[in-house]
PDB file of N, CA and C in Angstrom:
ATOM      1  N   UNK A   1       0.540  -1.138  -0.036  1.00  0.00           N
ATOM      2  CA  UNK A   1      -0.149  -0.249   0.153  1.00  0.00           C
ATOM      3  C   UNK A   1       0.710   1.094   0.062  1.00  0.00           C
ATOM      4  N   UNK A   2       0.719   1.999  -0.615  1.00  0.00           N
ATOM      5  CA  UNK A   2       0.951   3.490  -0.802  1.00  0.00           C
ATOM      6  C   UNK A   2       1.053   4.116   0.459  1.00  0.00           C
ATOM      7  N   UNK A   3       2.323   4.820   0.920  1.00  0.00           N
ATOM      8  CA  UNK A   3       2.059   5.460   2.593  1.00  0.00           C
ATOM      9  C   UNK A   3       1.357   6.496   2.484  1.00  0.00           C
ATOM     10  N   UNK A   4       0.936   7.051   1.431  1.00  0.00           N
ATOM     11  CA  UNK A   4       0.030   8.301   1.213  1.00  0.00           C
ATOM     12  C   UNK A   4      -1.197   8.083   0.736  1.00  0.00           C
ATOM     13  N   UNK A   5      -1.696   6.829   0.683  1.00  0.00           N
ATOM     14  CA  UNK A   5      -2.672   6.552  -0.002  1.00  0.00           C
ATOM     15  C   UNK A   5      -4.078   7.212   0.762  1.00  0.00           C
ATOM     16  N   UNK A   6      -4.929   7.875   0.150  1.00  0.00           N
ATOM     17  CA  UNK A   6      -6.055   8.502   0.784  1.00  0.00           C
ATOM     18  C   UNK A   6      -6.029   9.581   1.527  1.00  0.00           C
ATOM     19  N   UNK A   7      -4.364   9.981   1.780  1.00  0.00           N
ATOM     20  CA  UNK A   7      -4.001  11.209   2.452  1.00  0.00           C
ATOM     21  C   UNK A   7      -3.746  12.509   1.391  1.00  0.00           C
ATOM     22  N   UNK A   8      -3.392  12.251   0.282  1.00  0.00           N
ATOM     23  CA  UNK A   8      -3.132  13.540  -0.709  1.00  0.00           C
ATOM     24  C   UNK A   8      -3.272  12.886  -2.193  1.00  0.00           C
ATOM     25  N   UNK A   9      -3.233  14.162  -2.866  1.00  0.00           N
ATOM     26  CA  UNK A   9      -3.160  13.626  -4.283  1.00  0.00           C
ATOM     27  C   UNK A   9      -1.887  14.614  -4.867  1.00  0.00           C
ATOM     28  N   UNK A  10      -1.480  13.689  -5.950  1.00  0.00           N
ATOM     29  CA  UNK A  10      -0.271  13.853  -6.234  1.00  0.00           C
ATOM     30  C   UNK A  10      -0.058  14.603  -7.589  1.00  0.00           C
ATOM     31  N   UNK A  11       0.767  15.590  -7.450  1.00  0.00           N
ATOM     32  CA  UNK A  11       1.152  16.892  -8.499  1.00  0.00           C
ATOM     33  C   UNK A  11       2.471  16.840  -9.028  1.00  0.00           C
ATOM     34  N   UNK A  12       2.493  17.694  -9.783  1.00  0.00           N
ATOM     35  CA  UNK A  12       3.618  17.873 -10.601  1.00  0.00           C
ATOM     36  C   UNK A  12       4.851  18.415  -9.424  1.00  0.00           C
ATOM     37  N   UNK A  13       4.370  19.179  -8.420  1.00  0.00           N
ATOM     38  CA  UNK A  13       5.111  19.497  -7.402  1.00  0.00           C
ATOM     39  C   UNK A  13       5.398  18.354  -6.130  1.00  0.00           C
ATOM     40  N   UNK A  14       4.929  17.167  -6.334  1.00  0.00           N
ATOM     41  CA  UNK A  14       5.365  16.405  -5.394  1.00  0.00           C
ATOM     42  C   UNK A  14       6.444  15.267  -6.079  1.00  0.00           C
ATOM     43  N   UNK A  15       7.304  15.933  -6.551  1.00  0.00           N
ATOM     44  CA  UNK A  15       8.132  14.808  -7.080  1.00  0.00           C
ATOM     45  C   UNK A  15       8.544  13.655  -6.283  1.00  0.00           C
ATOM     46  N   UNK A  16       8.694  13.948  -5.010  1.00  0.00           N
ATOM     47  CA  UNK A  16       9.438  12.937  -4.265  1.00  0.00           C
ATOM     48  C   UNK A  16       8.305  11.961  -4.052  1.00  0.00           C
ATOM     49  N   UNK A  17       7.102  12.173  -3.783  1.00  0.00           N
ATOM     50  CA  UNK A  17       6.222  11.433  -3.573  1.00  0.00           C
ATOM     51  C   UNK A  17       5.626  10.480  -4.997  1.00  0.00           C
ATOM     52  N   UNK A  18       6.038  11.228  -6.298  1.00  0.00           N
ATOM     53  CA  UNK A  18       6.011  10.588  -7.454  1.00  0.00           C
ATOM     54  C   UNK A  18       7.064   9.630  -7.505  1.00  0.00           C
ATOM     55  N   UNK A  19       8.255  10.170  -7.324  1.00  0.00           N
ATOM     56  CA  UNK A  19       9.162   8.860  -7.290  1.00  0.00           C
ATOM     57  C   UNK A  19       9.178   7.684  -6.247  1.00  0.00           C
ATOM     58  N   UNK A  20       8.748   7.855  -5.503  1.00  0.00           N
ATOM     59  CA  UNK A  20       8.311   6.705  -4.172  1.00  0.00           C
ATOM     60  C   UNK A  20       7.388   5.954  -5.172  1.00  0.00           C
ATOM     61  N   UNK A  21       6.330   6.356  -5.444  1.00  0.00           N
ATOM     62  CA  UNK A  21       5.337   5.452  -6.408  1.00  0.00           C
ATOM     63  C   UNK A  21       5.703   4.761  -7.314  1.00  0.00           C
ATOM     64  N   UNK A  22       6.548   5.605  -7.982  1.00  0.00           N
ATOM     65  CA  UNK A  22       7.277   4.658  -9.271  1.00  0.00           C
ATOM     66  C   UNK A  22       8.058   3.875  -8.888  1.00  0.00           C
ATOM     67  N   UNK A  23       9.064   3.812  -7.881  1.00  0.00           N
ATOM     68  CA  UNK A  23       9.582   3.103  -7.373  1.00  0.00           C
ATOM     69  C   UNK A  23       8.648   1.713  -7.064  1.00  0.00           C
ATOM     70  N   UNK A  24       7.849   2.101  -6.253  1.00  0.00           N
ATOM     71  CA  UNK A  24       6.696   0.726  -5.961  1.00  0.00           C
ATOM     72  C   UNK A  24       6.178  -0.199  -6.940  1.00  0.00           C
ATOM     73  N   UNK A  25       5.837   1.047  -7.853  1.00  0.00           N
ATOM     74  CA  UNK A  25       4.924   0.059  -9.096  1.00  0.00           C
ATOM     75  C   UNK A  25       5.647  -0.498  -9.989  1.00  0.00           C
ATOM     76  N   UNK A  26       6.900   0.149 -10.202  1.00  0.00           N
ATOM     77  CA  UNK A  26       8.188  -0.183 -11.224  1.00  0.00           C
ATOM     78  C   UNK A  26       9.348  -0.878 -10.582  1.00  0.00           C
ATOM     79  N   UNK A  27       9.383  -2.006  -9.672  1.00  0.00           N
ATOM     80  CA  UNK A  27      10.486  -2.527  -8.867  1.00  0.00           C
ATOM     81  C   UNK A  27      11.685  -2.967  -9.669  1.00  0.00           C
ATOM     82  N   UNK A  28      11.547  -3.360 -11.043  1.00  0.00           N
ATOM     83  CA  UNK A  28      12.221  -4.081 -11.580  1.00  0.00           C
ATOM     84  C   UNK A  28      12.792  -3.443 -12.689  1.00  0.00           C
ATOM     85  N   UNK A  29      12.397  -1.840 -12.713  1.00  0.00           N
ATOM     86  CA  UNK A  29      13.029  -0.924 -13.766  1.00  0.00           C
ATOM     87  C   UNK A  29      14.398  -0.769 -13.562  1.00  0.00           C
ATOM     88  N   UNK A  30      15.330  -0.438 -14.564  1.00  0.00           N
ATOM     89  CA  UNK A  30      16.425  -0.174 -14.564  1.00  0.00           C
ATOM     90  C   UNK A  30      16.356   1.232 -14.637  1.00  0.00           C
ATOM     91  N   UNK A  31      16.644   2.096 -13.538  1.00  0.00           N
ATOM     92  CA  UNK A  31      16.636   3.353 -13.543  1.00  0.00           C
ATOM     93  C   UNK A  31      17.634   3.931 -14.325  1.00  0.00           C
ATOM     94  N   UNK A  32      18.594   3.539 -14.741  1.00  0.00           N
ATOM     95  CA  UNK A  32      19.443   3.995 -16.181  1.00  0.00           C
ATOM     96  C   UNK A  32      19.080   3.899 -17.368  1.00  0.00           C
ATOM     97  N   UNK A  33      18.031   3.259 -17.337  1.00  0.00           N
ATOM     98  CA  UNK A  33      17.219   3.107 -18.634  1.00  0.00           C
ATOM     99  C   UNK A  33      15.741   3.611 -18.935  1.00  0.00           C
ATOM    100  N   UNK A  34      15.422   4.297 -17.796  1.00  0.00           N
ATOM    101  CA  UNK A  34      14.123   4.973 -17.914  1.00  0.00           C
ATOM    102  C   UNK A  34      14.224   6.017 -18.432  1.00  0.00           C
ATOM    103  N   UNK A  35      13.627   6.167 -19.456  1.00  0.00           N
ATOM    104  CA  UNK A  35      13.231   7.571 -20.090  1.00  0.00           C
ATOM    105  C   UNK A  35      12.535   8.642 -19.561  1.00  0.00           C
ATOM    106  N   UNK A  36      12.588   9.953 -19.649  1.00  0.00           N
ATOM    107  CA  UNK A  36      11.907  10.827 -19.242  1.00  0.00           C
ATOM    108  C   UNK A  36      10.187  10.723 -19.694  1.00  0.00           C
ATOM    109  N   UNK A  37      10.353  10.493 -21.024  1.00  0.00           N
ATOM    110  CA  UNK A  37       8.889  10.057 -21.676  1.00  0.00           C
ATOM    111  C   UNK A  37       8.232   8.634 -20.788  1.00  0.00           C
ATOM    112  N   UNK A  38       8.993   7.744 -20.510  1.00  0.00           N
ATOM    113  CA  UNK A  38       8.422   6.517 -19.320  1.00  0.00           C
ATOM    114  C   UNK A  38       7.915   7.205 -18.100  1.00  0.00           C
ATOM    115  N   UNK A  39       8.804   8.234 -17.352  1.00  0.00           N
ATOM    116  CA  UNK A  39       8.049   8.640 -15.997  1.00  0.00           C
ATOM    117  C   UNK A  39       7.174   9.547 -16.520  1.00  0.00           C
ATOM    118  N   UNK A  40       6.990  10.275 -17.431  1.00  0.00           N
ATOM    119  CA  UNK A  40       5.649  11.036 -17.721  1.00  0.00           C
ATOM    120  C   UNK A  40       4.478  10.169 -17.904  1.00  0.00           C
ATOM    121  N   UNK A  41       4.582   8.893 -18.558  1.00  0.00           N
ATOM    122  CA  UNK A  41       3.774   8.147 -18.867  1.00  0.00           C
ATOM    123  C   UNK A  41       3.166   7.391 -17.368  1.00  0.00           C
ATOM    124  N   UNK A  42       4.034   6.933 -17.230  1.00  0.00           N
ATOM    125  CA  UNK A  42       3.458   6.074 -15.755  1.00  0.00           C
ATOM    126  C   UNK A  42       3.008   6.945 -14.722  1.00  0.00           C
ATOM    127  N   UNK A  43       3.676   8.331 -14.418  1.00  0.00           N
ATOM    128  CA  UNK A  43       2.984   9.094 -13.684  1.00  0.00           C
ATOM    129  C   UNK A  43       1.599   9.528 -13.944  1.00  0.00           C
ATOM    130  N   UNK A  44       1.245   9.572 -15.156  1.00  0.00           N
ATOM    131  CA  UNK A  44       0.038  10.218 -15.617  1.00  0.00           C
ATOM    132  C   UNK A  44      -1.126   8.900 -15.214  1.00  0.00           C
ATOM    133  N   UNK A  45      -0.255   7.571 -14.997  1.00  0.00           N
ATOM    134  CA  UNK A  45      -1.368   6.452 -15.018  1.00  0.00           C
ATOM    135  C   UNK A  45      -1.358   6.246 -13.239  1.00  0.00           C
ATOM    136  N   UNK A  46      -0.599   6.814 -12.549  1.00  0.00           N
ATOM    137  CA  UNK A  46      -1.093   6.760 -10.981  1.00  0.00           C
ATOM    138  C   UNK A  46      -2.227   7.329 -10.627  1.00  0.00           C
ATOM    139  N   UNK A  47      -3.032   6.467  -9.784  1.00  0.00           N
ATOM    140  CA  UNK A  47      -4.267   6.707  -9.692  1.00  0.00           C
ATOM    141  C   UNK A  47      -4.661   8.072  -8.714  1.00  0.00           C
ATOM    142  N   UNK A  48      -3.614   8.372  -7.820  1.00  0.00           N
ATOM    143  CA  UNK A  48      -3.740   9.677  -6.917  1.00  0.00           C
ATOM    144  C   UNK A  48      -3.175  10.665  -7.841  1.00  0.00           C
ATOM    145  N   UNK A  49      -2.824  10.264  -8.854  1.00  0.00           N
ATOM    146  CA  UNK A  49      -2.237  11.870  -9.731  1.00  0.00           C
ATOM    147  C   UNK A  49      -3.255  12.401 -10.340  1.00  0.00           C
ATOM    148  N   UNK A  50      -3.399  13.721 -10.002  1.00  0.00           N
ATOM    149  CA  UNK A  50      -4.513  14.580 -10.152  1.00  0.00           C
ATOM    150  C   UNK A  50      -4.093  16.317 -10.820  1.00  0.00           C
ATOM    151  N   UNK A  51      -3.123  16.108 -11.922  1.00  0.00           N
ATOM    152  CA  UNK A  51      -2.660  17.443 -12.243  1.00  0.00           C
ATOM    153  C   UNK A  51      -2.731  17.348 -13.684  1.00  0.00           C
ATOM    154  N   UNK A  52      -2.470  18.619 -14.398  1.00  0.00           N
ATOM    155  CA  UNK A  52      -2.784  18.928 -15.527  1.00  0.00           C
ATOM    156  C   UNK A  52      -1.215  18.424 -16.434  1.00  0.00           C
ATOM    157  N   UNK A  53      -1.560  17.356 -17.667  1.00  0.00           N
ATOM    158  CA  UNK A  53      -0.369  17.128 -17.871  1.00  0.00           C
ATOM    159  C   UNK A  53       0.315  17.863 -18.971  1.00  0.00           C
ATOM    160  N   UNK A  54      -0.349  19.225 -19.191  1.00  0.00           N
ATOM    161  CA  UNK A  54       0.384  19.872 -20.282  1.00  0.00           C
ATOM    162  C   UNK A  54       1.425  20.817 -19.118  1.00  0.00           C
ATOM    163  N   UNK A  55       1.318  20.656 -17.919  1.00  0.00           N
ATOM    164  CA  UNK A  55       2.157  21.724 -16.872  1.00  0.00           C
ATOM    165  C   UNK A  55       3.366  21.070 -16.776  1.00  0.00           C
ATOM    166  N   UNK A  56       3.524  19.904 -17.245  1.00  0.00           N
ATOM    167  CA  UNK A  56       4.505  19.249 -17.017  1.00  0.00           C
ATOM    168  C   UNK A  56       5.989  19.730 -17.788  1.00  0.00           C
ATOM    169  N   UNK A  57       7.256  19.264 -17.459  1.00  0.00           N
ATOM    170  CA  UNK A  57       8.187  19.633 -18.359  1.00  0.00           C
ATOM    171  C   UNK A  57       9.633  18.921 -17.973  1.00  0.00           C
ATOM    172  N   UNK A  58      10.616  19.065 -18.832  1.00  0.00           N
ATOM    173  CA  UNK A  58      11.809  18.350 -18.497  1.00  0.00           C
ATOM    174  C   UNK A  58      12.530  18.455 -17.139  1.00  0.00           C
ATOM    175  N   UNK A  59      12.520  19.634 -16.703  1.00  0.00           N
ATOM    176  CA  UNK A  59      12.957  19.630 -15.450  1.00  0.00           C
ATOM    177  C   UNK A  59      12.126  19.164 -14.281  1.00  0.00           C
ATOM    178  N   UNK A  60      10.874  19.194 -14.347  1.00  0.00           N
ATOM    179  CA  UNK A  60      10.254  18.503 -13.533  1.00  0.00           C
ATOM    180  C   UNK A  60      10.468  16.729 -13.572  1.00  0.00           C
ATOM    181  N   UNK A  61      10.233  16.153 -14.774  1.00  0.00           N
ATOM    182  CA  UNK A  61      10.561  14.742 -14.905  1.00  0.00           C
ATOM    183  C   UNK A  61      12.190  14.357 -14.652  1.00  0.00           C
ATOM    184  N   UNK A  62      12.981  15.341 -14.831  1.00  0.00           N
ATOM    185  CA  UNK A  62      14.277  15.097 -14.586  1.00  0.00           C
ATOM    186  C   UNK A  62      14.557  14.856 -12.618  1.00  0.00           C
ATOM    187  N   UNK A  63      13.540  15.986 -12.186  1.00  0.00           N
ATOM    188  CA  UNK A  63      13.644  15.762 -10.688  1.00  0.00           C
ATOM    189  C   UNK A  63      13.152  14.191  -9.983  1.00  0.00           C
ATOM    190  N   UNK A  64      11.900  14.256 -11.107  1.00  0.00           N
ATOM    191  CA  UNK A  64      11.229  12.835 -10.310  1.00  0.00           C
ATOM    192  C   UNK A  64      12.455  11.676 -10.388  1.00  0.00           C
ATOM    193  N   UNK A  65      13.018  11.825 -11.824  1.00  0.00           N
ATOM    194  CA  UNK A  65      13.974  10.746 -12.249  1.00  0.00           C
ATOM    195  C   UNK A  65      15.010  10.691 -11.028  1.00  0.00           C
ATOM    196  N   UNK A  66      15.676  11.924 -10.562  1.00  0.00           N
ATOM    197  CA  UNK A  66      16.638  12.144  -9.500  1.00  0.00           C
ATOM    198  C   UNK A  66      16.410  11.550  -8.414  1.00  0.00           C
ATOM    199  N   UNK A  67      14.863  12.006  -8.022  1.00  0.00           N
ATOM    200  CA  UNK A  67      14.378  11.226  -6.518  1.00  0.00           C
ATOM    201  C   UNK A  67      14.324  10.059  -6.529  1.00  0.00           C
ATOM    202  N   UNK A  68      13.968   9.588  -7.654  1.00  0.00           N
ATOM    203  CA  UNK A  68      13.711   7.693  -8.052  1.00  0.00           C
ATOM    204  C   UNK A  68      15.514   7.255  -7.629  1.00  0.00           C
ATOM    205  N   UNK A  69      16.427   7.891  -8.249  1.00  0.00           N
ATOM    206  CA  UNK A  69      17.932   7.202  -8.328  1.00  0.00           C
ATOM    207  C   UNK A  69      18.059   7.123  -6.887  1.00  0.00           C
ATOM    208  N   UNK A  70      18.354   8.212  -6.232  1.00  0.00           N
ATOM    209  CA  UNK A  70      18.745   8.746  -5.195  1.00  0.00           C
ATOM    210  C   UNK A  70      17.657   7.609  -4.011  1.00  0.00           C
ATOM    211  N   UNK A  71      16.596   7.364  -4.060  1.00  0.00           N
ATOM    212  CA  UNK A  71      15.914   6.311  -3.250  1.00  0.00           C
ATOM    213  C   UNK A  71      16.616   4.950  -3.290  1.00  0.00           C
ATOM    214  N   UNK A  72      16.639   4.619  -4.698  1.00  0.00           N
ATOM    215  CA  UNK A  72      17.562   3.317  -5.186  1.00  0.00           C
ATOM    216  C   UNK A  72      18.856   3.218  -4.230  1.00  0.00           C
ATOM    217  N   UNK A  73      19.494   4.571  -4.517  1.00  0.00           N
ATOM    218  CA  UNK A  73      21.165   4.349  -3.929  1.00  0.00           C
ATOM    219  C   UNK A  73      21.113   4.270  -2.612  1.00  0.00           C
ATOM    220  N   UNK A  74      19.992   4.803  -1.936  1.00  0.00           N
ATOM    221  CA  UNK A  74      19.764   4.912  -0.328  1.00  0.00           C
ATOM    222  C   UNK A  74      19.508   3.542   0.021  1.00  0.00           C
ATOM    223  N   UNK A  75      18.678   2.605  -0.766  1.00  0.00           N
ATOM    224  CA  UNK A  75      18.310   1.455  -0.345  1.00  0.00           C
ATOM    225  C   UNK A  75      19.381   0.313  -0.473  1.00  0.00           C
ATOM    226  N   UNK A  76      20.448   0.453  -1.011  1.00  0.00           N
ATOM    227  CA  UNK A  76      22.057  -0.058  -0.943  1.00  0.00           C
ATOM    228  C   UNK A  76      22.157  -0.311   0.237  1.00  0.00           C
TER     229      UNK A  76
END
């Protein structure tokens, strides 16, 4: 279960929470091979995500990617 389920919605401003959810949903993803396009698509598929897709940009997607990468490094 997602730790913030039913407590908040995800938006482009919640990059850390998005990264945690993507890590949970895609545990076998090789972060070195995950593209910004995949992060965009996967984020839009998160049930708790409720933001305008048009507000996204590469900086936001890069931030999500970096947060996800750092989480994986912290797990080692």
